[in-house]
N, C-alpha and C. Protein backbone atom coordinates (compact mmCIF):
# COMPACT_ATOMS: atom_id res chain seq x y z
N GLN A 1 0.85 -1.19 0.00
CA GLN A 1 0.00 0.00 0.00
C GLN A 1 0.88 1.24 0.00
N VAL A 2 0.53 2.22 -0.79
CA VAL A 2 1.36 3.40 -0.94
C VAL A 2 0.69 4.57 -0.22
N GLN A 3 1.51 5.40 0.40
CA GLN A 3 1.06 6.62 1.04
C GLN A 3 1.57 7.80 0.20
N LEU A 4 0.72 8.81 0.05
CA LEU A 4 1.03 9.95 -0.81
C LEU A 4 0.89 11.24 -0.01
N VAL A 5 1.85 12.13 -0.18
CA VAL A 5 1.83 13.42 0.52
C VAL A 5 2.14 14.52 -0.49
N GLU A 6 1.17 15.42 -0.68
CA GLU A 6 1.35 16.55 -1.58
C GLU A 6 1.96 17.74 -0.85
N SER A 7 2.63 18.57 -1.62
CA SER A 7 3.17 19.82 -1.11
C SER A 7 3.31 20.80 -2.26
N GLY A 8 3.53 22.07 -1.91
CA GLY A 8 3.79 23.08 -2.92
C GLY A 8 2.64 24.00 -3.23
N GLY A 9 1.50 23.76 -2.61
CA GLY A 9 0.38 24.66 -2.84
C GLY A 9 0.59 26.01 -2.18
N GLY A 10 -0.31 26.93 -2.47
CA GLY A 10 -0.20 28.25 -1.87
C GLY A 10 -1.04 29.27 -2.60
N LEU A 11 -0.76 30.53 -2.31
CA LEU A 11 -1.47 31.66 -2.92
C LEU A 11 -0.59 32.28 -4.00
N VAL A 12 -1.15 32.48 -5.18
CA VAL A 12 -0.40 33.05 -6.29
C VAL A 12 -1.32 33.99 -7.06
N GLN A 13 -0.74 34.99 -7.68
CA GLN A 13 -1.53 35.90 -8.49
C GLN A 13 -1.81 35.29 -9.87
N ALA A 14 -2.88 35.74 -10.48
CA ALA A 14 -3.20 35.28 -11.83
C ALA A 14 -2.02 35.52 -12.76
N GLY A 15 -1.75 34.52 -13.59
CA GLY A 15 -0.61 34.56 -14.48
C GLY A 15 0.65 33.95 -13.90
N GLY A 16 0.62 33.66 -12.63
CA GLY A 16 1.78 33.09 -11.96
C GLY A 16 1.87 31.59 -12.12
N SER A 17 2.85 31.01 -11.44
CA SER A 17 3.15 29.58 -11.54
C SER A 17 3.31 28.97 -10.16
N LEU A 18 3.03 27.69 -10.10
CA LEU A 18 3.32 26.88 -8.92
C LEU A 18 3.76 25.50 -9.37
N ARG A 19 4.58 24.86 -8.54
CA ARG A 19 4.97 23.48 -8.80
C ARG A 19 4.57 22.63 -7.61
N LEU A 20 3.67 21.71 -7.85
CA LEU A 20 3.24 20.79 -6.81
C LEU A 20 4.10 19.54 -6.85
N SER A 21 4.33 18.99 -5.67
CA SER A 21 5.05 17.73 -5.55
C SER A 21 4.18 16.73 -4.80
N CYS A 22 4.41 15.47 -5.07
CA CYS A 22 3.71 14.39 -4.37
C CYS A 22 4.73 13.30 -4.09
N ALA A 23 5.03 13.10 -2.82
CA ALA A 23 6.00 12.10 -2.42
C ALA A 23 5.28 10.82 -2.03
N ALA A 24 5.75 9.71 -2.55
CA ALA A 24 5.15 8.41 -2.28
C ALA A 24 6.06 7.58 -1.39
N SER A 25 5.43 6.78 -0.56
CA SER A 25 6.17 5.86 0.30
C SER A 25 5.34 4.60 0.52
N GLY A 26 6.01 3.53 0.89
CA GLY A 26 5.31 2.32 1.25
C GLY A 26 5.00 1.38 0.11
N GLY A 27 5.50 1.68 -1.06
CA GLY A 27 5.26 0.81 -2.19
C GLY A 27 6.34 1.00 -3.24
N THR A 28 6.27 0.24 -4.31
CA THR A 28 7.19 0.40 -5.42
C THR A 28 6.60 1.42 -6.38
N PHE A 29 7.16 2.60 -6.37
CA PHE A 29 6.56 3.73 -7.07
C PHE A 29 6.36 3.45 -8.55
N SER A 30 7.29 2.75 -9.17
CA SER A 30 7.20 2.50 -10.60
C SER A 30 6.11 1.49 -10.95
N ASN A 31 5.46 0.92 -9.96
CA ASN A 31 4.33 0.03 -10.21
C ASN A 31 3.02 0.76 -10.46
N TYR A 32 3.08 2.09 -10.37
CA TYR A 32 1.85 2.87 -10.46
C TYR A 32 1.93 3.93 -11.55
N ALA A 33 0.81 4.11 -12.24
CA ALA A 33 0.60 5.36 -12.94
C ALA A 33 0.13 6.37 -11.90
N MET A 34 0.43 7.63 -12.14
CA MET A 34 0.09 8.67 -11.19
C MET A 34 -0.80 9.72 -11.84
N GLY A 35 -1.73 10.22 -11.05
CA GLY A 35 -2.63 11.24 -11.55
C GLY A 35 -2.70 12.43 -10.61
N TRP A 36 -3.09 13.55 -11.17
CA TRP A 36 -3.42 14.73 -10.39
C TRP A 36 -4.88 15.09 -10.66
N PHE A 37 -5.55 15.44 -9.59
CA PHE A 37 -6.95 15.87 -9.65
C PHE A 37 -7.09 17.16 -8.84
N ARG A 38 -8.21 17.83 -9.03
CA ARG A 38 -8.48 19.00 -8.21
C ARG A 38 -9.97 19.06 -7.90
N GLN A 39 -10.27 19.73 -6.80
CA GLN A 39 -11.67 19.87 -6.39
C GLN A 39 -11.89 21.26 -5.83
N ALA A 40 -12.74 22.01 -6.49
CA ALA A 40 -13.13 23.32 -6.01
C ALA A 40 -14.37 23.20 -5.14
N PRO A 41 -14.62 24.16 -4.27
CA PRO A 41 -15.80 24.09 -3.39
C PRO A 41 -17.09 23.93 -4.19
N GLY A 42 -17.88 22.95 -3.80
CA GLY A 42 -19.16 22.73 -4.45
C GLY A 42 -19.09 22.02 -5.79
N LYS A 43 -17.90 21.60 -6.18
CA LYS A 43 -17.74 20.93 -7.47
C LYS A 43 -17.21 19.52 -7.29
N GLU A 44 -17.37 18.71 -8.33
CA GLU A 44 -16.83 17.36 -8.29
C GLU A 44 -15.32 17.38 -8.51
N ARG A 45 -14.68 16.31 -8.06
CA ARG A 45 -13.24 16.18 -8.27
C ARG A 45 -12.98 16.02 -9.77
N GLU A 46 -11.98 16.75 -10.25
CA GLU A 46 -11.73 16.88 -11.68
C GLU A 46 -10.31 16.41 -12.02
N PHE A 47 -10.20 15.64 -13.09
CA PHE A 47 -8.91 15.16 -13.57
C PHE A 47 -8.12 16.32 -14.19
N VAL A 48 -6.80 16.41 -13.85
CA VAL A 48 -5.97 17.44 -14.46
C VAL A 48 -4.68 16.91 -15.07
N GLY A 49 -4.38 15.61 -14.84
CA GLY A 49 -3.20 15.08 -15.50
C GLY A 49 -2.90 13.65 -15.07
N ARG A 50 -2.26 12.92 -15.95
CA ARG A 50 -1.88 11.54 -15.67
C ARG A 50 -0.56 11.24 -16.35
N ILE A 51 0.26 10.43 -15.68
CA ILE A 51 1.54 10.01 -16.25
C ILE A 51 1.69 8.52 -15.99
N THR A 52 2.06 7.79 -17.03
CA THR A 52 2.23 6.36 -16.89
C THR A 52 3.50 6.03 -16.10
N TRP A 53 3.70 4.77 -15.83
CA TRP A 53 4.69 4.35 -14.84
C TRP A 53 6.11 4.84 -15.10
N ASN A 54 6.48 4.94 -16.37
CA ASN A 54 7.84 5.36 -16.71
C ASN A 54 7.89 6.75 -17.33
N GLY A 55 6.77 7.46 -17.25
CA GLY A 55 6.75 8.80 -17.83
C GLY A 55 6.58 8.83 -19.33
N GLY A 56 6.36 7.67 -19.92
CA GLY A 56 6.31 7.60 -21.37
C GLY A 56 5.07 8.21 -21.99
N GLU A 57 3.99 8.24 -21.25
CA GLU A 57 2.76 8.83 -21.75
C GLU A 57 2.18 9.76 -20.70
N LYS A 58 1.67 10.88 -21.19
CA LYS A 58 1.07 11.89 -20.32
C LYS A 58 -0.26 12.33 -20.94
N TYR A 59 -1.21 12.63 -20.09
CA TYR A 59 -2.54 13.00 -20.56
C TYR A 59 -3.03 14.20 -19.77
N TYR A 60 -3.72 15.10 -20.47
CA TYR A 60 -4.26 16.30 -19.84
C TYR A 60 -5.65 16.60 -20.42
N PRO A 61 -6.52 17.18 -19.62
CA PRO A 61 -7.77 17.67 -20.19
C PRO A 61 -7.52 19.00 -20.91
N ASP A 62 -8.43 19.37 -21.76
CA ASP A 62 -8.27 20.60 -22.52
C ASP A 62 -8.15 21.83 -21.62
N SER A 63 -8.76 21.78 -20.45
CA SER A 63 -8.77 22.93 -19.55
C SER A 63 -7.39 23.33 -19.06
N VAL A 64 -6.44 22.40 -19.07
CA VAL A 64 -5.10 22.71 -18.57
C VAL A 64 -4.00 22.45 -19.60
N LYS A 65 -4.36 21.87 -20.74
CA LYS A 65 -3.35 21.51 -21.74
C LYS A 65 -2.60 22.75 -22.19
N GLY A 66 -1.29 22.65 -22.22
CA GLY A 66 -0.44 23.78 -22.60
C GLY A 66 -0.03 24.65 -21.43
N ARG A 67 -0.69 24.47 -20.28
CA ARG A 67 -0.34 25.26 -19.08
C ARG A 67 0.23 24.38 -17.97
N PHE A 68 -0.27 23.15 -17.85
CA PHE A 68 0.17 22.24 -16.80
C PHE A 68 1.05 21.14 -17.42
N THR A 69 2.07 20.74 -16.65
CA THR A 69 2.94 19.66 -17.08
C THR A 69 3.15 18.70 -15.92
N ILE A 70 2.88 17.43 -16.16
CA ILE A 70 3.10 16.40 -15.16
C ILE A 70 4.41 15.70 -15.47
N SER A 71 5.16 15.36 -14.42
CA SER A 71 6.42 14.64 -14.58
C SER A 71 6.64 13.78 -13.35
N ARG A 72 7.61 12.88 -13.44
CA ARG A 72 7.90 12.03 -12.29
C ARG A 72 9.37 11.68 -12.26
N GLU A 73 9.85 11.42 -11.06
CA GLU A 73 11.20 10.93 -10.84
C GLU A 73 11.09 9.66 -10.02
N ASN A 74 11.14 8.53 -10.69
CA ASN A 74 10.95 7.26 -9.98
C ASN A 74 12.03 7.01 -8.94
N ALA A 75 13.23 7.48 -9.20
CA ALA A 75 14.31 7.29 -8.23
C ALA A 75 14.06 8.03 -6.93
N LYS A 76 13.21 9.07 -7.00
CA LYS A 76 12.89 9.86 -5.81
C LYS A 76 11.45 9.64 -5.35
N ASN A 77 10.76 8.70 -5.99
CA ASN A 77 9.37 8.37 -5.60
C ASN A 77 8.49 9.62 -5.56
N THR A 78 8.64 10.45 -6.56
CA THR A 78 7.94 11.73 -6.55
C THR A 78 7.33 12.03 -7.92
N VAL A 79 6.13 12.58 -7.89
CA VAL A 79 5.48 13.08 -9.09
C VAL A 79 5.25 14.58 -8.91
N PHE A 80 5.34 15.30 -10.02
CA PHE A 80 5.23 16.76 -9.97
C PHE A 80 4.11 17.24 -10.89
N LEU A 81 3.60 18.42 -10.56
CA LEU A 81 2.68 19.10 -11.45
C LEU A 81 3.12 20.56 -11.54
N GLN A 82 3.70 20.90 -12.69
CA GLN A 82 4.08 22.28 -12.94
C GLN A 82 2.89 23.01 -13.54
N MET A 83 2.47 24.10 -12.90
CA MET A 83 1.29 24.84 -13.32
C MET A 83 1.71 26.26 -13.68
N ASN A 84 1.50 26.63 -14.92
CA ASN A 84 1.86 27.97 -15.41
C ASN A 84 0.62 28.73 -15.85
N ASN A 85 0.77 30.04 -15.93
CA ASN A 85 -0.32 30.91 -16.38
C ASN A 85 -1.62 30.60 -15.64
N LEU A 86 -1.53 30.58 -14.34
CA LEU A 86 -2.68 30.23 -13.52
C LEU A 86 -3.75 31.32 -13.56
N SER A 87 -4.99 30.88 -13.44
CA SER A 87 -6.13 31.79 -13.39
C SER A 87 -6.96 31.48 -12.16
N PRO A 88 -7.83 32.41 -11.75
CA PRO A 88 -8.68 32.14 -10.57
C PRO A 88 -9.50 30.86 -10.72
N GLU A 89 -9.79 30.45 -11.94
CA GLU A 89 -10.56 29.22 -12.15
C GLU A 89 -9.76 27.97 -11.77
N ASP A 90 -8.48 28.11 -11.57
CA ASP A 90 -7.65 26.99 -11.15
C ASP A 90 -7.64 26.81 -9.64
N THR A 91 -8.28 27.70 -8.92
CA THR A 91 -8.34 27.60 -7.47
C THR A 91 -9.07 26.34 -7.04
N ALA A 92 -8.40 25.52 -6.23
CA ALA A 92 -8.97 24.25 -5.80
C ALA A 92 -8.00 23.58 -4.84
N VAL A 93 -8.46 22.51 -4.23
CA VAL A 93 -7.56 21.58 -3.55
C VAL A 93 -7.06 20.58 -4.59
N TYR A 94 -5.75 20.42 -4.64
CA TYR A 94 -5.14 19.52 -5.63
C TYR A 94 -4.69 18.24 -4.93
N TYR A 95 -5.04 17.11 -5.56
CA TYR A 95 -4.73 15.80 -5.02
C TYR A 95 -3.89 14.99 -6.00
N CYS A 96 -2.93 14.26 -5.48
CA CYS A 96 -2.29 13.25 -6.32
C CYS A 96 -2.88 11.89 -5.97
N ALA A 97 -2.80 10.98 -6.93
CA ALA A 97 -3.40 9.67 -6.76
C ALA A 97 -2.59 8.64 -7.53
N ALA A 98 -2.62 7.40 -7.04
CA ALA A 98 -1.88 6.29 -7.65
C ALA A 98 -2.86 5.26 -8.20
N ASP A 99 -2.54 4.80 -9.40
CA ASP A 99 -3.36 3.81 -10.10
C ASP A 99 -2.53 2.55 -10.28
N THR A 100 -3.04 1.42 -9.83
CA THR A 100 -2.30 0.17 -9.95
C THR A 100 -2.22 -0.32 -11.40
N ASN A 101 -3.07 0.21 -12.26
CA ASN A 101 -2.95 -0.03 -13.69
C ASN A 101 -2.00 1.03 -14.24
N LYS A 102 -0.77 0.64 -14.49
CA LYS A 102 0.26 1.64 -14.74
C LYS A 102 0.39 2.07 -16.19
N TYR A 103 -0.52 1.58 -17.05
CA TYR A 103 -0.49 1.95 -18.45
C TYR A 103 -1.75 2.73 -18.82
N GLY A 104 -1.69 3.37 -19.98
CA GLY A 104 -2.91 3.88 -20.61
C GLY A 104 -3.51 5.11 -19.99
N PHE A 105 -4.70 5.42 -20.51
CA PHE A 105 -5.39 6.67 -20.26
C PHE A 105 -6.60 6.41 -19.38
N ARG A 106 -6.53 6.78 -18.12
CA ARG A 106 -7.62 6.58 -17.17
C ARG A 106 -7.82 7.87 -16.40
N ILE A 107 -9.04 8.40 -16.44
CA ILE A 107 -9.29 9.71 -15.82
C ILE A 107 -10.33 9.67 -14.72
N ARG A 108 -10.96 8.55 -14.52
CA ARG A 108 -12.01 8.49 -13.50
C ARG A 108 -11.41 8.44 -12.10
N VAL A 109 -12.03 9.11 -11.19
CA VAL A 109 -11.60 9.10 -9.79
C VAL A 109 -11.55 7.67 -9.27
N THR A 110 -12.52 6.87 -9.66
CA THR A 110 -12.61 5.50 -9.15
C THR A 110 -11.53 4.58 -9.70
N SER A 111 -10.79 5.02 -10.71
CA SER A 111 -9.70 4.21 -11.25
C SER A 111 -8.47 4.23 -10.36
N TYR A 112 -8.40 5.18 -9.44
CA TYR A 112 -7.21 5.38 -8.62
C TYR A 112 -7.45 4.82 -7.22
N SER A 113 -6.48 4.04 -6.76
CA SER A 113 -6.64 3.30 -5.50
C SER A 113 -6.16 4.08 -4.29
N TYR A 114 -5.19 4.96 -4.47
CA TYR A 114 -4.57 5.63 -3.33
C TYR A 114 -4.54 7.13 -3.59
N TRP A 115 -4.78 7.89 -2.50
CA TRP A 115 -4.90 9.34 -2.61
C TRP A 115 -4.11 10.03 -1.51
N GLY A 116 -3.61 11.21 -1.85
CA GLY A 116 -3.02 12.07 -0.85
C GLY A 116 -4.09 12.89 -0.14
N GLN A 117 -3.65 13.72 0.78
CA GLN A 117 -4.58 14.51 1.59
C GLN A 117 -4.95 15.82 0.90
N GLY A 118 -4.23 16.19 -0.12
CA GLY A 118 -4.52 17.39 -0.88
C GLY A 118 -3.72 18.60 -0.43
N THR A 119 -3.54 19.53 -1.36
CA THR A 119 -2.86 20.79 -1.07
C THR A 119 -3.65 21.91 -1.73
N GLN A 120 -3.85 23.00 -1.00
CA GLN A 120 -4.68 24.09 -1.50
C GLN A 120 -3.91 24.99 -2.44
N VAL A 121 -4.52 25.28 -3.57
CA VAL A 121 -3.99 26.26 -4.52
C VAL A 121 -5.03 27.37 -4.67
N THR A 122 -4.62 28.59 -4.39
CA THR A 122 -5.51 29.74 -4.51
C THR A 122 -4.89 30.75 -5.46
N VAL A 123 -5.64 31.11 -6.49
CA VAL A 123 -5.15 32.07 -7.49
C VAL A 123 -5.99 33.33 -7.37
N SER A 124 -5.34 34.44 -7.07
CA SER A 124 -6.05 35.70 -6.91
C SER A 124 -6.04 36.47 -8.23
N SER A 125 -7.10 37.25 -8.42
CA SER A 125 -7.22 38.02 -9.68
C SER A 125 -6.57 39.39 -9.56
């Protein structure tokens, strides 16, 4: 079983950048595809990125494509989410998640077995 801890959230002005990190422990990190999701108040949890086990494939929804970049360092058991050109609509709690199916394109919340506690990202206008 893997434990996930996010960090790097905070308050940023519109147009700014943040880099989120998610450190994994308790499992073999390369056995998992990793995803990032976000949840704004009153809204459902939303997919924002996925990276397969070796970083060979990455997926993004249109809402963040070209602004967000997901990456991973298996040697450090860490996945990252670089977020550029942020807007107030990006304000949410951001979660990383691990999927035991380490290949392919999966965006449903229920596809991911393990979740972090989340980190708050607030973008001011």
